N, C-alpha and C. Protein backbone atom coordinates (compact mmCIF):
# COMPACT_ATOMS: atom_id res chain seq x y z
N UNK A 1 69.58 71.80 -16.86
CA UNK A 1 70.47 72.84 -16.43
C UNK A 1 69.89 73.52 -15.19
N UNK A 2 70.73 73.80 -14.23
CA UNK A 2 70.30 74.49 -13.02
C UNK A 2 70.29 75.99 -13.29
N UNK A 3 69.19 76.62 -12.93
CA UNK A 3 69.09 78.07 -13.05
C UNK A 3 69.24 78.65 -11.65
N UNK A 4 70.44 79.10 -11.32
CA UNK A 4 70.73 79.57 -9.97
C UNK A 4 69.96 80.83 -9.61
N UNK A 5 69.61 81.63 -10.59
CA UNK A 5 68.86 82.86 -10.30
C UNK A 5 67.44 82.56 -9.81
N UNK A 6 66.82 81.52 -10.32
CA UNK A 6 65.45 81.20 -9.92
C UNK A 6 65.38 80.08 -8.88
N UNK A 7 66.54 79.43 -8.59
CA UNK A 7 66.60 78.37 -7.59
C UNK A 7 65.70 77.19 -7.98
N UNK A 8 65.62 76.87 -9.27
CA UNK A 8 64.81 75.75 -9.75
C UNK A 8 65.72 74.54 -9.94
N UNK A 9 65.40 73.46 -9.27
CA UNK A 9 66.15 72.22 -9.38
C UNK A 9 65.63 71.46 -10.60
N UNK A 10 66.51 70.96 -11.46
CA UNK A 10 66.04 70.36 -12.72
C UNK A 10 65.25 69.06 -12.58
N UNK A 11 65.49 68.27 -11.54
CA UNK A 11 64.76 67.02 -11.38
C UNK A 11 63.41 67.24 -10.72
N UNK A 12 63.40 68.01 -9.66
CA UNK A 12 62.18 68.19 -8.89
C UNK A 12 62.29 69.46 -8.07
N UNK A 13 61.28 70.30 -8.12
CA UNK A 13 61.25 71.50 -7.29
C UNK A 13 60.01 71.43 -6.41
N UNK A 14 60.18 71.27 -5.09
CA UNK A 14 59.03 71.11 -4.20
C UNK A 14 58.16 72.36 -4.15
N UNK A 15 56.89 72.15 -3.96
CA UNK A 15 55.94 73.26 -3.83
C UNK A 15 55.69 73.62 -2.38
N UNK A 16 55.95 72.68 -1.46
CA UNK A 16 55.59 72.90 -0.05
C UNK A 16 56.69 73.57 0.77
N UNK A 17 57.92 73.66 0.23
CA UNK A 17 59.04 74.26 0.96
C UNK A 17 59.87 75.12 0.02
N UNK A 18 60.76 75.91 0.60
CA UNK A 18 61.60 76.79 -0.21
C UNK A 18 62.72 76.05 -0.94
N UNK A 19 63.36 75.12 -0.26
CA UNK A 19 64.57 74.51 -0.80
C UNK A 19 64.56 73.00 -0.68
N UNK A 20 65.24 72.36 -1.63
CA UNK A 20 65.48 70.92 -1.61
C UNK A 20 66.97 70.71 -1.83
N UNK A 21 67.58 69.94 -0.95
CA UNK A 21 68.99 69.58 -1.14
C UNK A 21 69.17 68.11 -0.83
N UNK A 22 70.31 67.58 -1.19
CA UNK A 22 70.65 66.18 -0.94
C UNK A 22 69.67 65.20 -1.58
N UNK A 23 69.25 65.43 -2.84
CA UNK A 23 68.25 64.54 -3.42
C UNK A 23 68.80 63.13 -3.65
N UNK A 24 67.94 62.16 -3.43
CA UNK A 24 68.29 60.76 -3.62
C UNK A 24 67.16 60.08 -4.39
N UNK A 25 67.27 59.97 -5.72
CA UNK A 25 66.23 59.28 -6.49
C UNK A 25 66.41 57.76 -6.39
N UNK A 26 65.30 57.05 -6.24
CA UNK A 26 65.30 55.59 -6.10
C UNK A 26 64.14 55.03 -6.91
N UNK A 27 64.39 53.96 -7.66
CA UNK A 27 63.34 53.29 -8.44
C UNK A 27 62.99 51.98 -7.75
N UNK A 28 61.69 51.75 -7.51
CA UNK A 28 61.26 50.53 -6.82
C UNK A 28 60.73 49.47 -7.78
N UNK A 29 60.91 49.68 -9.08
CA UNK A 29 60.41 48.75 -10.09
C UNK A 29 59.10 49.19 -10.68
N UNK A 30 58.41 50.11 -10.01
CA UNK A 30 57.12 50.63 -10.47
C UNK A 30 57.11 52.15 -10.49
N UNK A 31 57.58 52.76 -9.41
CA UNK A 31 57.59 54.22 -9.27
C UNK A 31 58.99 54.72 -8.97
N UNK A 32 59.25 55.96 -9.38
CA UNK A 32 60.43 56.67 -8.93
C UNK A 32 60.07 57.38 -7.64
N UNK A 33 61.00 57.39 -6.72
CA UNK A 33 60.87 58.10 -5.45
C UNK A 33 62.05 59.05 -5.36
N UNK A 34 61.82 60.24 -4.85
CA UNK A 34 62.94 61.12 -4.52
C UNK A 34 62.82 61.47 -3.04
N UNK A 35 63.93 61.29 -2.34
CA UNK A 35 64.04 61.64 -0.94
C UNK A 35 65.06 62.76 -0.86
N UNK A 36 64.90 63.66 0.07
CA UNK A 36 65.87 64.74 0.20
C UNK A 36 65.62 65.55 1.45
N UNK A 37 66.50 66.50 1.66
CA UNK A 37 66.35 67.45 2.77
C UNK A 37 65.52 68.61 2.25
N UNK A 38 64.37 68.85 2.87
CA UNK A 38 63.51 69.94 2.42
C UNK A 38 63.31 70.93 3.56
N UNK A 39 63.33 72.19 3.21
CA UNK A 39 63.18 73.24 4.22
C UNK A 39 63.63 74.56 3.68
N UNK A 40 64.52 75.22 4.43
CA UNK A 40 65.02 76.52 4.01
C UNK A 40 66.46 76.73 4.45
N UNK A 41 67.26 77.26 3.55
CA UNK A 41 68.65 77.57 3.90
C UNK A 41 68.72 78.80 4.79
N UNK A 42 67.65 79.58 4.85
CA UNK A 42 67.64 80.78 5.69
C UNK A 42 67.76 80.46 7.17
N UNK A 43 67.10 79.39 7.62
CA UNK A 43 67.16 79.02 9.04
C UNK A 43 67.82 77.66 9.26
N UNK A 44 68.21 76.99 8.15
CA UNK A 44 68.77 75.63 8.23
C UNK A 44 67.84 74.69 8.99
N UNK A 45 66.55 74.80 8.71
CA UNK A 45 65.53 73.91 9.28
C UNK A 45 65.14 72.92 8.19
N UNK A 46 65.27 71.61 8.48
CA UNK A 46 65.08 70.59 7.46
C UNK A 46 64.14 69.48 7.90
N UNK A 47 63.40 68.96 6.94
CA UNK A 47 62.58 67.76 7.09
C UNK A 47 62.99 66.81 5.98
N UNK A 48 62.51 65.58 6.03
CA UNK A 48 62.83 64.61 5.00
C UNK A 48 61.68 64.57 3.99
N UNK A 49 61.98 65.03 2.79
CA UNK A 49 60.99 65.06 1.72
C UNK A 49 60.85 63.69 1.07
N UNK A 50 59.65 63.37 0.64
CA UNK A 50 59.38 62.18 -0.16
C UNK A 50 58.40 62.57 -1.26
N UNK A 51 58.75 62.24 -2.49
CA UNK A 51 57.87 62.49 -3.63
C UNK A 51 57.97 61.30 -4.58
N UNK A 52 56.92 61.08 -5.37
CA UNK A 52 56.90 59.96 -6.31
C UNK A 52 56.49 60.42 -7.69
N UNK A 53 56.92 59.63 -8.70
CA UNK A 53 56.55 59.89 -10.09
C UNK A 53 56.66 58.58 -10.87
N UNK A 54 55.89 58.48 -11.95
CA UNK A 54 55.97 57.30 -12.81
C UNK A 54 57.19 57.36 -13.73
N UNK A 55 57.71 58.55 -13.98
CA UNK A 55 58.92 58.74 -14.79
C UNK A 55 59.86 59.66 -14.02
N UNK A 56 61.16 59.48 -14.20
CA UNK A 56 62.12 60.26 -13.42
C UNK A 56 62.02 61.75 -13.71
N UNK A 57 61.53 62.11 -14.87
CA UNK A 57 61.39 63.54 -15.20
C UNK A 57 60.06 64.10 -14.74
N UNK A 58 59.26 63.31 -14.01
CA UNK A 58 58.00 63.80 -13.43
C UNK A 58 56.81 63.57 -14.33
N UNK A 59 55.70 64.14 -13.94
CA UNK A 59 55.48 65.05 -12.81
C UNK A 59 55.54 64.32 -11.47
N UNK A 60 55.96 65.05 -10.45
CA UNK A 60 56.16 64.51 -9.11
C UNK A 60 54.99 64.85 -8.19
N UNK A 61 54.65 63.90 -7.32
CA UNK A 61 53.63 64.10 -6.29
C UNK A 61 54.33 64.13 -4.94
N UNK A 62 54.19 65.22 -4.21
CA UNK A 62 54.79 65.32 -2.89
C UNK A 62 53.93 64.60 -1.86
N UNK A 63 54.60 63.96 -0.90
CA UNK A 63 53.91 63.28 0.19
C UNK A 63 54.28 63.98 1.50
N UNK A 64 53.63 63.59 2.57
CA UNK A 64 53.94 64.16 3.88
C UNK A 64 55.42 63.93 4.19
N UNK A 65 56.02 64.87 4.90
CA UNK A 65 57.42 64.72 5.31
C UNK A 65 57.57 63.47 6.17
N UNK A 66 58.69 62.80 6.03
CA UNK A 66 58.97 61.60 6.81
C UNK A 66 59.57 62.02 8.16
N UNK A 67 58.98 61.52 9.23
CA UNK A 67 59.47 61.80 10.58
C UNK A 67 60.10 60.52 11.11
N UNK A 68 61.38 60.59 11.44
CA UNK A 68 62.10 59.42 11.92
C UNK A 68 62.26 59.47 13.45
N UNK A 69 62.38 58.31 14.08
CA UNK A 69 62.54 58.27 15.54
C UNK A 69 63.98 58.51 15.98
N UNK A 70 64.61 59.57 15.44
CA UNK A 70 65.97 59.93 15.83
C UNK A 70 66.01 61.43 16.10
N UNK A 71 67.05 61.88 16.77
CA UNK A 71 67.13 63.31 17.07
C UNK A 71 68.49 63.85 16.68
N UNK A 72 68.56 65.14 16.58
CA UNK A 72 69.78 65.84 16.24
C UNK A 72 69.41 67.17 15.63
N UNK A 73 70.34 68.10 15.60
CA UNK A 73 70.03 69.41 15.03
C UNK A 73 70.20 69.44 13.52
N UNK A 74 70.71 68.36 12.95
CA UNK A 74 70.91 68.32 11.50
C UNK A 74 70.44 67.02 10.89
N UNK A 75 69.25 66.54 11.27
CA UNK A 75 68.70 65.31 10.70
C UNK A 75 68.33 65.63 9.25
N UNK A 76 69.16 65.14 8.33
CA UNK A 76 68.99 65.48 6.91
C UNK A 76 69.88 64.56 6.07
N UNK A 77 69.97 64.86 4.79
CA UNK A 77 70.84 64.17 3.83
C UNK A 77 70.56 62.67 3.75
N UNK A 78 69.32 62.30 3.41
CA UNK A 78 69.00 60.87 3.34
C UNK A 78 69.67 60.18 2.16
N UNK A 79 70.09 58.97 2.42
CA UNK A 79 70.53 58.06 1.37
C UNK A 79 69.60 56.87 1.45
N UNK A 80 69.01 56.49 0.33
CA UNK A 80 67.98 55.44 0.34
C UNK A 80 68.30 54.38 -0.70
N UNK A 81 68.11 53.12 -0.31
CA UNK A 81 68.19 52.01 -1.26
C UNK A 81 66.88 51.25 -1.19
N UNK A 82 66.55 50.54 -2.27
CA UNK A 82 65.37 49.69 -2.32
C UNK A 82 65.86 48.28 -2.60
N UNK A 83 65.52 47.34 -1.70
CA UNK A 83 65.98 45.97 -1.85
C UNK A 83 64.89 45.02 -1.39
N UNK A 84 64.54 44.08 -2.24
CA UNK A 84 63.55 43.05 -1.93
C UNK A 84 62.24 43.65 -1.42
N UNK A 85 61.80 44.75 -2.03
CA UNK A 85 60.52 45.34 -1.69
C UNK A 85 60.53 46.28 -0.49
N UNK A 86 61.71 46.54 0.09
CA UNK A 86 61.80 47.40 1.27
C UNK A 86 62.78 48.55 0.99
N UNK A 87 62.39 49.76 1.37
CA UNK A 87 63.28 50.91 1.32
C UNK A 87 64.07 50.95 2.62
N UNK A 88 65.36 51.27 2.53
CA UNK A 88 66.23 51.42 3.70
C UNK A 88 66.88 52.79 3.60
N UNK A 89 66.83 53.57 4.70
CA UNK A 89 67.35 54.93 4.69
C UNK A 89 68.51 55.07 5.67
N UNK A 90 69.61 55.66 5.18
CA UNK A 90 70.72 56.11 6.02
C UNK A 90 70.54 57.62 6.16
N UNK A 91 70.85 58.18 7.31
CA UNK A 91 70.61 59.61 7.51
C UNK A 91 71.61 60.19 8.50
N UNK A 92 72.00 61.44 8.29
CA UNK A 92 72.89 62.11 9.24
C UNK A 92 72.07 62.72 10.37
N UNK A 93 72.71 62.91 11.53
CA UNK A 93 72.01 63.53 12.66
C UNK A 93 72.51 64.94 12.95
N UNK A 94 73.72 65.26 12.53
CA UNK A 94 74.27 66.60 12.76
C UNK A 94 74.96 67.07 11.49
N UNK A 95 75.05 68.38 11.33
CA UNK A 95 75.75 68.97 10.20
C UNK A 95 76.75 69.99 10.73
N UNK A 96 78.02 69.77 10.41
CA UNK A 96 79.11 70.66 10.81
C UNK A 96 79.22 70.80 12.33
N UNK A 97 78.91 69.70 13.04
CA UNK A 97 79.08 69.65 14.49
C UNK A 97 79.73 68.32 14.83
N UNK A 98 80.53 68.31 15.85
CA UNK A 98 81.10 67.03 16.29
C UNK A 98 80.00 66.22 16.98
N UNK A 99 80.15 64.92 16.94
CA UNK A 99 79.19 64.04 17.61
C UNK A 99 78.08 63.55 16.71
N UNK A 100 78.04 64.01 15.48
CA UNK A 100 77.00 63.55 14.56
C UNK A 100 77.33 62.17 14.03
N UNK A 101 76.32 61.48 13.60
CA UNK A 101 76.50 60.14 13.05
C UNK A 101 75.68 60.00 11.78
N UNK A 102 76.08 59.03 10.98
CA UNK A 102 75.24 58.60 9.87
C UNK A 102 74.51 57.37 10.41
N UNK A 103 73.23 57.50 10.65
CA UNK A 103 72.46 56.44 11.30
C UNK A 103 72.36 55.21 10.42
N UNK A 104 72.23 54.09 11.06
CA UNK A 104 72.06 52.82 10.37
C UNK A 104 70.77 52.86 9.56
N UNK A 105 70.64 51.96 8.62
CA UNK A 105 69.44 52.01 7.76
C UNK A 105 68.16 51.72 8.53
N UNK A 106 67.17 52.56 8.28
CA UNK A 106 65.83 52.36 8.83
C UNK A 106 64.98 51.69 7.76
N UNK A 107 64.35 50.52 8.06
CA UNK A 107 63.39 49.99 7.11
C UNK A 107 62.23 50.99 7.01
N UNK A 108 61.89 51.39 5.82
CA UNK A 108 60.93 52.48 5.63
C UNK A 108 59.48 52.01 5.50
N UNK A 109 59.20 50.75 5.78
CA UNK A 109 57.82 50.28 5.62
C UNK A 109 56.85 51.03 6.51
N UNK A 110 57.30 51.49 7.66
CA UNK A 110 56.40 52.23 8.57
C UNK A 110 56.18 53.66 8.11
N UNK A 111 57.06 54.15 7.24
CA UNK A 111 57.00 55.55 6.85
C UNK A 111 56.49 55.75 5.43
N UNK A 112 56.58 54.73 4.59
CA UNK A 112 56.13 54.83 3.20
C UNK A 112 55.02 53.80 3.01
N UNK A 113 53.80 54.29 2.93
CA UNK A 113 52.68 53.40 2.67
C UNK A 113 52.59 53.12 1.19
N UNK A 114 51.44 52.76 0.74
CA UNK A 114 51.27 52.57 -0.71
C UNK A 114 51.14 53.93 -1.35
N UNK A 115 51.98 54.17 -2.31
CA UNK A 115 52.01 55.48 -2.98
C UNK A 115 51.24 55.41 -4.28
């Protein structure tokens, strides 16, 4: 259950940032991964969060934010699939602005090392 008063997300609540939105849990056959938009709703500043766990209910280990070679004022809302040992990420570049795109999938091998 979501407790809106405490802003605690039931699957995973990051320790390094104020807010997590757009969570995308993915299982690679060994570990659960959660990707999402992490930052703060106060300034709408977002990074791409990555965390891993052996079970979907945690405990979760946060990793460094993923930095992608794309630009935009709303790079967030990752969608991730795992196929044949490779993670692929779709991501938006703008939020509530014209001209934004949902970028093609990025193979994540350069961004996700051995976890």
